[in-house]
Amino acid sequence: MRGDWNLNIMLDNIRIQEVKNLLAIHDLVNIIRSPTRITSNSESLRDVILTNKDNPELRASVVELGFSYHLAQVVKNKYW
């Protein structure tokens, strides 16, 4: 699953913790770890890629393409 949740996953508050708890209940984890939206005033992690926790061969990265303040997310299998 991929999407823009309009929640800054980098924040530490009750709302974000509730989302993380919901993901954990379903054995899901967001594999994007660095900011995906950067402006001159802020950085946030709003774009997510969810996978099951039993998928350690996936590697995610964030890439600046120069088109927007949103960065692209790239996922690769470690064997590719």
N, C-alpha and C. Protein backbone atom coordinates (compact mmCIF):
# COMPACT_ATOMS: atom_id res chain seq x y z
N MET A 1 0.84 -1.17 0.00
CA MET A 1 0.00 0.00 0.00
C MET A 1 0.89 1.24 0.00
N ARG A 2 0.53 2.22 -0.76
CA ARG A 2 1.27 3.46 -0.81
C ARG A 2 0.27 4.60 -0.72
N GLY A 3 0.67 5.70 -0.11
CA GLY A 3 -0.25 6.81 -0.06
C GLY A 3 0.28 8.01 0.68
N ASP A 4 -0.45 9.10 0.55
CA ASP A 4 -0.17 10.34 1.27
C ASP A 4 -1.28 10.48 2.30
N TRP A 5 -0.95 10.32 3.56
CA TRP A 5 -1.95 10.29 4.62
C TRP A 5 -2.22 11.66 5.22
N ASN A 6 -1.47 12.67 4.83
CA ASN A 6 -1.58 13.99 5.44
C ASN A 6 -1.40 13.94 6.96
N LEU A 7 -0.59 13.02 7.40
CA LEU A 7 -0.14 12.92 8.78
C LEU A 7 1.37 12.93 8.74
N ASN A 8 1.99 13.73 9.54
CA ASN A 8 3.45 13.75 9.57
C ASN A 8 3.93 12.65 10.51
N ILE A 9 4.33 11.53 9.94
CA ILE A 9 4.74 10.36 10.72
C ILE A 9 6.00 10.64 11.54
N MET A 10 6.71 11.72 11.23
CA MET A 10 7.90 12.07 12.00
C MET A 10 7.55 12.65 13.37
N LEU A 11 6.32 13.11 13.55
CA LEU A 11 5.92 13.69 14.82
C LEU A 11 5.71 12.60 15.87
N ASP A 12 5.82 13.00 17.12
CA ASP A 12 5.57 12.07 18.22
C ASP A 12 4.40 12.62 19.03
N ASN A 13 3.19 12.16 18.67
CA ASN A 13 2.01 12.57 19.41
C ASN A 13 1.02 11.42 19.46
N ILE A 14 -0.06 11.58 20.18
CA ILE A 14 -1.01 10.49 20.38
C ILE A 14 -1.66 10.05 19.07
N ARG A 15 -1.96 10.98 18.19
CA ARG A 15 -2.60 10.64 16.91
C ARG A 15 -1.67 9.77 16.06
N ILE A 16 -0.43 10.16 15.99
CA ILE A 16 0.55 9.37 15.21
C ILE A 16 0.75 8.01 15.87
N GLN A 17 0.83 7.97 17.19
CA GLN A 17 1.01 6.70 17.88
C GLN A 17 -0.17 5.77 17.65
N GLU A 18 -1.38 6.31 17.60
CA GLU A 18 -2.55 5.49 17.31
C GLU A 18 -2.47 4.87 15.92
N VAL A 19 -2.00 5.64 14.94
CA VAL A 19 -1.83 5.11 13.58
C VAL A 19 -0.78 4.00 13.58
N LYS A 20 0.33 4.24 14.26
CA LYS A 20 1.39 3.22 14.32
C LYS A 20 0.90 1.97 15.02
N ASN A 21 0.09 2.13 16.07
CA ASN A 21 -0.47 0.97 16.76
C ASN A 21 -1.41 0.19 15.85
N LEU A 22 -2.22 0.89 15.06
CA LEU A 22 -3.12 0.23 14.12
C LEU A 22 -2.33 -0.57 13.09
N LEU A 23 -1.26 0.01 12.59
CA LEU A 23 -0.41 -0.70 11.65
C LEU A 23 0.19 -1.95 12.29
N ALA A 24 0.67 -1.81 13.51
CA ALA A 24 1.30 -2.94 14.22
C ALA A 24 0.30 -4.07 14.44
N ILE A 25 -0.94 -3.75 14.76
CA ILE A 25 -1.97 -4.78 14.96
C ILE A 25 -2.11 -5.65 13.71
N HIS A 26 -1.92 -5.04 12.55
CA HIS A 26 -2.07 -5.74 11.28
C HIS A 26 -0.72 -6.16 10.67
N ASP A 27 0.32 -6.13 11.50
CA ASP A 27 1.67 -6.51 11.08
C ASP A 27 2.15 -5.73 9.85
N LEU A 28 1.87 -4.44 9.86
CA LEU A 28 2.32 -3.57 8.78
C LEU A 28 3.33 -2.57 9.31
N VAL A 29 4.22 -2.15 8.44
CA VAL A 29 5.23 -1.17 8.82
C VAL A 29 5.46 -0.23 7.63
N ASN A 30 5.69 1.04 7.92
CA ASN A 30 6.05 2.01 6.90
C ASN A 30 7.56 1.91 6.67
N ILE A 31 7.97 1.67 5.44
CA ILE A 31 9.41 1.49 5.18
C ILE A 31 10.10 2.78 4.75
N ILE A 32 9.34 3.87 4.63
CA ILE A 32 9.95 5.16 4.33
C ILE A 32 10.33 5.81 5.65
N ARG A 33 11.59 6.19 5.81
CA ARG A 33 12.08 6.69 7.09
C ARG A 33 12.51 8.16 7.06
N SER A 34 12.74 8.72 5.90
CA SER A 34 13.22 10.10 5.83
C SER A 34 12.12 11.01 5.28
N PRO A 35 12.26 12.31 5.44
CA PRO A 35 11.22 13.25 4.99
C PRO A 35 10.89 13.09 3.51
N THR A 36 9.60 13.21 3.20
CA THR A 36 9.14 13.12 1.82
C THR A 36 8.54 14.44 1.32
N ARG A 37 8.44 15.40 2.20
CA ARG A 37 7.96 16.73 1.83
C ARG A 37 8.86 17.74 2.51
N ILE A 38 9.52 18.55 1.69
CA ILE A 38 10.47 19.52 2.22
C ILE A 38 10.15 20.89 1.63
N THR A 39 9.97 21.87 2.52
CA THR A 39 9.79 23.25 2.10
C THR A 39 10.90 24.07 2.76
N SER A 40 10.93 25.36 2.50
CA SER A 40 11.94 26.20 3.12
C SER A 40 11.74 26.32 4.63
N ASN A 41 10.53 25.99 5.11
CA ASN A 41 10.22 26.13 6.53
C ASN A 41 10.06 24.82 7.30
N SER A 42 9.93 23.70 6.60
CA SER A 42 9.63 22.47 7.32
C SER A 42 10.02 21.22 6.54
N GLU A 43 10.08 20.13 7.27
CA GLU A 43 10.25 18.80 6.68
C GLU A 43 9.22 17.90 7.32
N SER A 44 8.63 17.01 6.53
CA SER A 44 7.66 16.07 7.08
C SER A 44 7.70 14.76 6.31
N LEU A 45 7.20 13.73 6.94
CA LEU A 45 7.11 12.41 6.32
C LEU A 45 5.63 12.11 6.19
N ARG A 46 5.07 12.45 5.04
CA ARG A 46 3.64 12.30 4.79
C ARG A 46 3.33 11.20 3.78
N ASP A 47 4.28 10.81 3.00
CA ASP A 47 4.08 9.75 2.00
C ASP A 47 4.62 8.46 2.58
N VAL A 48 3.84 7.42 2.53
CA VAL A 48 4.21 6.16 3.15
C VAL A 48 4.17 5.03 2.14
N ILE A 49 4.95 4.00 2.41
CA ILE A 49 4.84 2.73 1.70
C ILE A 49 4.78 1.67 2.78
N LEU A 50 3.64 0.98 2.84
CA LEU A 50 3.44 -0.04 3.87
C LEU A 50 3.70 -1.42 3.30
N THR A 51 4.28 -2.26 4.14
CA THR A 51 4.51 -3.65 3.79
C THR A 51 4.41 -4.47 5.06
N ASN A 52 4.42 -5.78 4.91
CA ASN A 52 4.38 -6.60 6.12
C ASN A 52 5.78 -6.67 6.72
N LYS A 53 5.86 -6.94 7.99
CA LYS A 53 7.14 -6.96 8.70
C LYS A 53 8.03 -8.12 8.26
N ASP A 54 7.44 -9.09 7.57
CA ASP A 54 8.21 -10.25 7.12
C ASP A 54 8.83 -10.03 5.75
N ASN A 55 9.15 -8.80 5.42
CA ASN A 55 9.69 -8.50 4.11
C ASN A 55 11.00 -7.72 4.23
N PRO A 56 12.01 -8.28 4.89
CA PRO A 56 13.26 -7.55 5.14
C PRO A 56 14.11 -7.31 3.89
N GLU A 57 13.77 -7.95 2.77
CA GLU A 57 14.59 -7.75 1.58
C GLU A 57 14.26 -6.46 0.83
N LEU A 58 13.23 -5.73 1.26
CA LEU A 58 12.91 -4.46 0.60
C LEU A 58 13.76 -3.33 1.16
N ARG A 59 14.26 -2.49 0.28
CA ARG A 59 15.04 -1.31 0.66
C ARG A 59 14.36 -0.08 0.07
N ALA A 60 14.09 0.89 0.90
CA ALA A 60 13.40 2.10 0.45
C ALA A 60 14.33 3.30 0.53
N SER A 61 14.16 4.21 -0.40
CA SER A 61 14.91 5.46 -0.37
C SER A 61 14.01 6.59 -0.87
N VAL A 62 14.42 7.80 -0.59
CA VAL A 62 13.70 9.00 -1.01
C VAL A 62 14.60 9.76 -1.96
N VAL A 63 14.04 10.21 -3.10
CA VAL A 63 14.84 10.82 -4.16
C VAL A 63 14.25 12.18 -4.55
N GLU A 64 15.11 13.18 -4.65
CA GLU A 64 14.72 14.52 -5.11
C GLU A 64 14.73 14.51 -6.64
N LEU A 65 13.57 14.78 -7.26
CA LEU A 65 13.48 14.81 -8.71
C LEU A 65 13.40 16.23 -9.26
N GLY A 66 13.21 17.22 -8.38
CA GLY A 66 13.18 18.60 -8.81
C GLY A 66 11.86 19.09 -9.36
N PHE A 67 10.80 18.30 -9.27
CA PHE A 67 9.50 18.70 -9.81
C PHE A 67 8.57 19.32 -8.78
N SER A 68 8.78 19.02 -7.51
CA SER A 68 7.81 19.38 -6.48
C SER A 68 8.51 19.43 -5.14
N TYR A 69 7.80 19.90 -4.13
CA TYR A 69 8.34 19.84 -2.77
C TYR A 69 8.14 18.45 -2.16
N HIS A 70 7.41 17.57 -2.87
CA HIS A 70 7.31 16.17 -2.46
C HIS A 70 8.44 15.40 -3.13
N LEU A 71 9.09 14.55 -2.39
CA LEU A 71 10.16 13.73 -2.93
C LEU A 71 9.60 12.38 -3.37
N ALA A 72 10.26 11.74 -4.29
CA ALA A 72 9.82 10.43 -4.78
C ALA A 72 10.32 9.32 -3.85
N GLN A 73 9.53 8.27 -3.74
CA GLN A 73 9.93 7.12 -2.95
C GLN A 73 10.26 5.99 -3.90
N VAL A 74 11.38 5.33 -3.63
CA VAL A 74 11.83 4.22 -4.45
C VAL A 74 12.01 2.99 -3.56
N VAL A 75 11.46 1.87 -3.99
CA VAL A 75 11.61 0.63 -3.25
C VAL A 75 12.27 -0.38 -4.16
N LYS A 76 13.31 -1.03 -3.63
CA LYS A 76 14.02 -2.06 -4.38
C LYS A 76 14.13 -3.31 -3.52
N ASN A 77 14.10 -4.43 -4.18
CA ASN A 77 14.39 -5.68 -3.51
C ASN A 77 15.90 -5.79 -3.41
N LYS A 78 16.44 -6.23 -2.28
CA LYS A 78 17.89 -6.26 -2.13
C LYS A 78 18.56 -7.19 -3.12
N TYR A 79 17.81 -8.04 -3.78
CA TYR A 79 18.38 -8.97 -4.76
C TYR A 79 18.37 -8.43 -6.19
N TRP A 80 17.74 -7.26 -6.40
CA TRP A 80 17.67 -6.69 -7.74
C TRP A 80 18.90 -5.92 -8.05
